[in-house]
Amino acid sequence: MDMEKRARMAAESILENESFRSGLDDSGASAILDWGTTRAVSITRDTGSFEDDEEAREAVYPRMRALRQMIDAAKDLCRPEITMKEGISLLTQLVEKAALVYGENATIPKRIYWNMFTSVRVEDAGQNIRALRAMLEKNIQNQE
């Protein structure tokens, strides 16, 4: 299987998962799907040296699983009724998963960034998701 087909299948696995959109408005759903598909394609591109498709699938599985969990945590952070305690717990989960999603060389931002995020949320889920993604990606060092 060629790399483009692997990347397309990875992106489709995110786009076809309706649970990622549930509970979000169009802006939030668009932001979460864009984040998820971008990361899925990036994860898949890391398998460029694999000739065997089964070997490539095995290599990406833990990272794709972590990506799905990270997306779920990010989506849950957008619930309007979330408490500060729940927010910090979800951000902790997100950080743990992001370390695997973004690769072994990723250095995740300091906790203070995450605490700031929970205190400055706005009502627009799309804005929150894009801000969370930007904060995470801006502060990751040694990213691809």
C-alpha atoms as a PDB file:
ATOM      1  CA  MET A   1       0.000   0.000   0.000  1.00  0.00           C
ATOM      2  CA  ASP A   2       1.367   3.422  -0.814  1.00  0.00           C
ATOM      3  CA  MET A   3       1.851   6.236   1.679  1.00  0.00           C
ATOM      4  CA  GLU A   4      -0.999   8.347   0.288  1.00  0.00           C
ATOM      5  CA  LYS A   5      -3.439   5.495   0.766  1.00  0.00           C
ATOM      6  CA  ARG A   6      -2.240   4.959   4.363  1.00  0.00           C
ATOM      7  CA  ALA A   7      -2.619   8.669   5.075  1.00  0.00           C
ATOM      8  CA  ARG A   8      -6.090   8.794   3.519  1.00  0.00           C
ATOM      9  CA  MET A   9      -7.240   5.783   5.542  1.00  0.00           C
ATOM     10  CA  ALA A  10      -5.918   7.340   8.761  1.00  0.00           C
ATOM     11  CA  ALA A  11      -7.720  10.625   8.067  1.00  0.00           C
ATOM     12  CA  GLU A  12     -10.924   8.774   7.199  1.00  0.00           C
ATOM     13  CA  SER A  13     -10.776   6.861  10.486  1.00  0.00           C
ATOM     14  CA  ILE A  14     -11.030  10.211  12.272  1.00  0.00           C
ATOM     15  CA  LEU A  15     -13.627  11.744   9.959  1.00  0.00           C
ATOM     16  CA  GLU A  16     -15.901   8.700  10.144  1.00  0.00           C
ATOM     17  CA  ASN A  17     -15.963   8.600  13.952  1.00  0.00           C
ATOM     18  CA  GLU A  18     -19.193  10.424  14.770  1.00  0.00           C
ATOM     19  CA  SER A  19     -18.424  10.511  18.498  1.00  0.00           C
ATOM     20  CA  PHE A  20     -15.795  13.188  17.856  1.00  0.00           C
ATOM     21  CA  ARG A  21     -18.520  15.548  16.594  1.00  0.00           C
ATOM     22  CA  SER A  22     -21.238  14.710  19.092  1.00  0.00           C
ATOM     23  CA  GLY A  23     -22.094  17.552  21.421  1.00  0.00           C
ATOM     24  CA  LEU A  24     -20.133  20.111  19.395  1.00  0.00           C
ATOM     25  CA  ASP A  25     -21.433  22.857  17.161  1.00  0.00           C
ATOM     26  CA  ASP A  26     -20.183  23.104  13.570  1.00  0.00           C
ATOM     27  CA  SER A  27     -17.227  25.277  14.560  1.00  0.00           C
ATOM     28  CA  GLY A  28     -16.136  22.874  17.306  1.00  0.00           C
ATOM     29  CA  ALA A  29     -16.616  19.799  15.123  1.00  0.00           C
ATOM     30  CA  SER A  30     -14.616  21.372  12.312  1.00  0.00           C
ATOM     31  CA  ALA A  31     -11.765  22.322  14.660  1.00  0.00           C
ATOM     32  CA  ILE A  32     -11.585  18.894  16.324  1.00  0.00           C
ATOM     33  CA  LEU A  33     -11.724  17.028  12.997  1.00  0.00           C
ATOM     34  CA  ASP A  34      -9.060  19.262  11.468  1.00  0.00           C
ATOM     35  CA  TRP A  35      -6.768  18.656  14.441  1.00  0.00           C
ATOM     36  CA  GLY A  36      -7.434  14.908  14.402  1.00  0.00           C
ATOM     37  CA  THR A  37      -6.983  14.395  10.678  1.00  0.00           C
ATOM     38  CA  THR A  38      -3.820  16.514  10.558  1.00  0.00           C
ATOM     39  CA  ARG A  39      -2.246  14.462  13.348  1.00  0.00           C
ATOM     40  CA  ALA A  40      -3.474  11.147  11.870  1.00  0.00           C
ATOM     41  CA  VAL A  41      -1.833  11.939   8.536  1.00  0.00           C
ATOM     42  CA  SER A  42       1.370  13.008  10.293  1.00  0.00           C
ATOM     43  CA  ILE A  43       1.454   9.820  12.368  1.00  0.00           C
ATOM     44  CA  THR A  44       0.937   7.732   9.247  1.00  0.00           C
ATOM     45  CA  ARG A  45       3.688   9.538   7.341  1.00  0.00           C
ATOM     46  CA  ASP A  46       6.104   8.331  10.022  1.00  0.00           C
ATOM     47  CA  THR A  47       5.661   4.832   8.556  1.00  0.00           C
ATOM     48  CA  GLY A  48       7.328   5.776   5.275  1.00  0.00           C
ATOM     49  CA  SER A  49      10.163   3.344   5.887  1.00  0.00           C
ATOM     50  CA  PHE A  50       7.804   0.377   6.336  1.00  0.00           C
ATOM     51  CA  GLU A  51       7.311  -1.809   3.280  1.00  0.00           C
ATOM     52  CA  ASP A  52       4.866  -4.151   4.997  1.00  0.00           C
ATOM     53  CA  ASP A  53       1.384  -2.705   5.622  1.00  0.00           C
ATOM     54  CA  GLU A  54       0.765  -4.899   8.640  1.00  0.00           C
ATOM     55  CA  GLU A  55       4.007  -3.726  10.213  1.00  0.00           C
ATOM     56  CA  ALA A  56       2.998  -0.113   9.513  1.00  0.00           C
ATOM     57  CA  ARG A  57      -0.438  -0.645  11.112  1.00  0.00           C
ATOM     58  CA  GLU A  58       1.161  -2.123  14.210  1.00  0.00           C
ATOM     59  CA  ALA A  59       3.543   0.816  14.447  1.00  0.00           C
ATOM     60  CA  VAL A  60       0.816   3.474  14.249  1.00  0.00           C
ATOM     61  CA  TYR A  61      -1.804   1.724  16.366  1.00  0.00           C
ATOM     62  CA  PRO A  62      -0.647   3.005  19.799  1.00  0.00           C
ATOM     63  CA  ARG A  63      -0.284   6.550  18.507  1.00  0.00           C
ATOM     64  CA  MET A  64      -3.657   6.503  16.718  1.00  0.00           C
ATOM     65  CA  ARG A  65      -5.313   5.146  19.854  1.00  0.00           C
ATOM     66  CA  ALA A  66      -3.695   7.936  21.883  1.00  0.00           C
ATOM     67  CA  LEU A  67      -4.871  10.443  19.253  1.00  0.00           C
ATOM     68  CA  ARG A  68      -8.473   9.294  19.597  1.00  0.00           C
ATOM     69  CA  GLN A  69      -8.213   9.577  23.388  1.00  0.00           C
ATOM     70  CA  MET A  70      -6.613  13.026  23.091  1.00  0.00           C
ATOM     71  CA  ILE A  71      -9.417  14.188  20.784  1.00  0.00           C
ATOM     72  CA  ASP A  72     -12.032  12.900  23.233  1.00  0.00           C
ATOM     73  CA  ALA A  73     -10.373  14.787  26.100  1.00  0.00           C
ATOM     74  CA  ALA A  74     -10.171  17.990  24.039  1.00  0.00           C
ATOM     75  CA  LYS A  75     -13.843  17.650  23.075  1.00  0.00           C
ATOM     76  CA  ASP A  76     -14.893  17.070  26.677  1.00  0.00           C
ATOM     77  CA  LEU A  77     -13.026  20.213  27.710  1.00  0.00           C
ATOM     78  CA  CYS A  78     -15.565  22.178  25.663  1.00  0.00           C
ATOM     79  CA  ARG A  79     -18.566  21.109  27.709  1.00  0.00           C
ATOM     80  CA  PRO A  80     -20.067  24.284  29.181  1.00  0.00           C
ATOM     81  CA  GLU A  81     -20.773  22.683  32.566  1.00  0.00           C
ATOM     82  CA  ILE A  82     -17.227  21.419  33.134  1.00  0.00           C
ATOM     83  CA  THR A  83     -15.756  22.139  36.555  1.00  0.00           C
ATOM     84  CA  MET A  84     -12.198  23.309  37.133  1.00  0.00           C
ATOM     85  CA  LYS A  85     -11.354  19.944  38.705  1.00  0.00           C
ATOM     86  CA  GLU A  86     -12.701  18.061  35.660  1.00  0.00           C
ATOM     87  CA  GLY A  87     -10.882  20.450  33.342  1.00  0.00           C
ATOM     88  CA  ILE A  88      -7.536  19.862  35.006  1.00  0.00           C
ATOM     89  CA  SER A  89      -8.100  16.103  34.933  1.00  0.00           C
ATOM     90  CA  LEU A  90      -8.951  16.208  31.218  1.00  0.00           C
ATOM     91  CA  LEU A  91      -5.962  18.422  30.464  1.00  0.00           C
ATOM     92  CA  THR A  92      -3.721  15.995  32.322  1.00  0.00           C
ATOM     93  CA  GLN A  93      -5.058  13.144  30.185  1.00  0.00           C
ATOM     94  CA  LEU A  94      -4.621  15.233  27.059  1.00  0.00           C
ATOM     95  CA  VAL A  95      -0.985  16.002  27.910  1.00  0.00           C
ATOM     96  CA  GLU A  96      -0.231  12.343  28.597  1.00  0.00           C
ATOM     97  CA  LYS A  97      -1.709  11.290  25.258  1.00  0.00           C
ATOM     98  CA  ALA A  98      -0.134  14.203  23.355  1.00  0.00           C
ATOM     99  CA  ALA A  99       3.333  12.980  24.306  1.00  0.00           C
ATOM    100  CA  LEU A 100       2.675   9.808  22.295  1.00  0.00           C
ATOM    101  CA  VAL A 101       0.658  11.493  19.543  1.00  0.00           C
ATOM    102  CA  TYR A 102       3.300  14.095  18.756  1.00  0.00           C
ATOM    103  CA  GLY A 103       6.183  11.650  18.906  1.00  0.00           C
ATOM    104  CA  GLU A 104       8.994  10.611  21.153  1.00  0.00           C
ATOM    105  CA  ASN A 105      10.871  13.887  20.724  1.00  0.00           C
ATOM    106  CA  ALA A 106       7.939  16.070  21.802  1.00  0.00           C
ATOM    107  CA  THR A 107       8.330  18.086  24.971  1.00  0.00           C
ATOM    108  CA  ILE A 108       4.928  18.990  26.370  1.00  0.00           C
ATOM    109  CA  PRO A 109       4.257  22.481  27.781  1.00  0.00           C
ATOM    110  CA  LYS A 110       4.491  23.257  31.457  1.00  0.00           C
ATOM    111  CA  ARG A 111       1.425  22.741  33.606  1.00  0.00           C
ATOM    112  CA  ILE A 112       0.860  26.480  34.053  1.00  0.00           C
ATOM    113  CA  TYR A 113      -0.178  26.745  30.394  1.00  0.00           C
ATOM    114  CA  TRP A 114      -2.876  24.185  30.974  1.00  0.00           C
ATOM    115  CA  ASN A 115      -4.127  25.892  34.122  1.00  0.00           C
ATOM    116  CA  MET A 116      -4.319  29.157  32.188  1.00  0.00           C
ATOM    117  CA  PHE A 117      -6.346  27.464  29.452  1.00  0.00           C
ATOM    118  CA  THR A 118      -9.016  26.279  31.879  1.00  0.00           C
ATOM    119  CA  SER A 119      -9.412  29.774  33.270  1.00  0.00           C
ATOM    120  CA  VAL A 120      -9.795  31.608  29.928  1.00  0.00           C
ATOM    121  CA  ARG A 121     -12.245  29.401  28.041  1.00  0.00           C
ATOM    122  CA  VAL A 122     -14.904  31.056  25.902  1.00  0.00           C
ATOM    123  CA  GLU A 123     -18.308  29.751  24.855  1.00  0.00           C
ATOM    124  CA  ASP A 124     -17.318  28.943  21.264  1.00  0.00           C
ATOM    125  CA  ALA A 125     -16.091  25.323  21.182  1.00  0.00           C
ATOM    126  CA  GLY A 126     -14.208  25.864  17.928  1.00  0.00           C
ATOM    127  CA  GLN A 127     -12.258  28.759  19.423  1.00  0.00           C
ATOM    128  CA  ASN A 128     -11.430  26.710  22.506  1.00  0.00           C
ATOM    129  CA  ILE A 129     -10.232  23.731  20.479  1.00  0.00           C
ATOM    130  CA  ARG A 130      -8.135  25.885  18.140  1.00  0.00           C
ATOM    131  CA  ALA A 131      -6.648  27.742  21.139  1.00  0.00           C
ATOM    132  CA  LEU A 132      -5.831  24.467  22.889  1.00  0.00           C
ATOM    133  CA  ARG A 133      -4.217  23.044  19.759  1.00  0.00           C
ATOM    134  CA  ALA A 134      -2.224  26.238  19.149  1.00  0.00           C
ATOM    135  CA  MET A 135      -1.063  26.358  22.768  1.00  0.00           C
ATOM    136  CA  LEU A 136       0.028  22.737  22.637  1.00  0.00           C
ATOM    137  CA  GLU A 137       1.722  22.883  19.243  1.00  0.00           C
ATOM    138  CA  LYS A 138       3.371  26.250  19.867  1.00  0.00           C
ATOM    139  CA  ASN A 139       5.030  24.911  22.983  1.00  0.00           C
ATOM    140  CA  ILE A 140       6.103  21.491  21.746  1.00  0.00           C
ATOM    141  CA  GLN A 141       9.792  21.413  21.085  1.00  0.00           C
ATOM    142  CA  ASN A 142      11.459  19.149  18.541  1.00  0.00           C
ATOM    143  CA  GLN A 143       8.170  18.662  16.714  1.00  0.00           C
ATOM    144  CA  GLU A 144       8.552  16.776  13.424  1.00  0.00           C
END
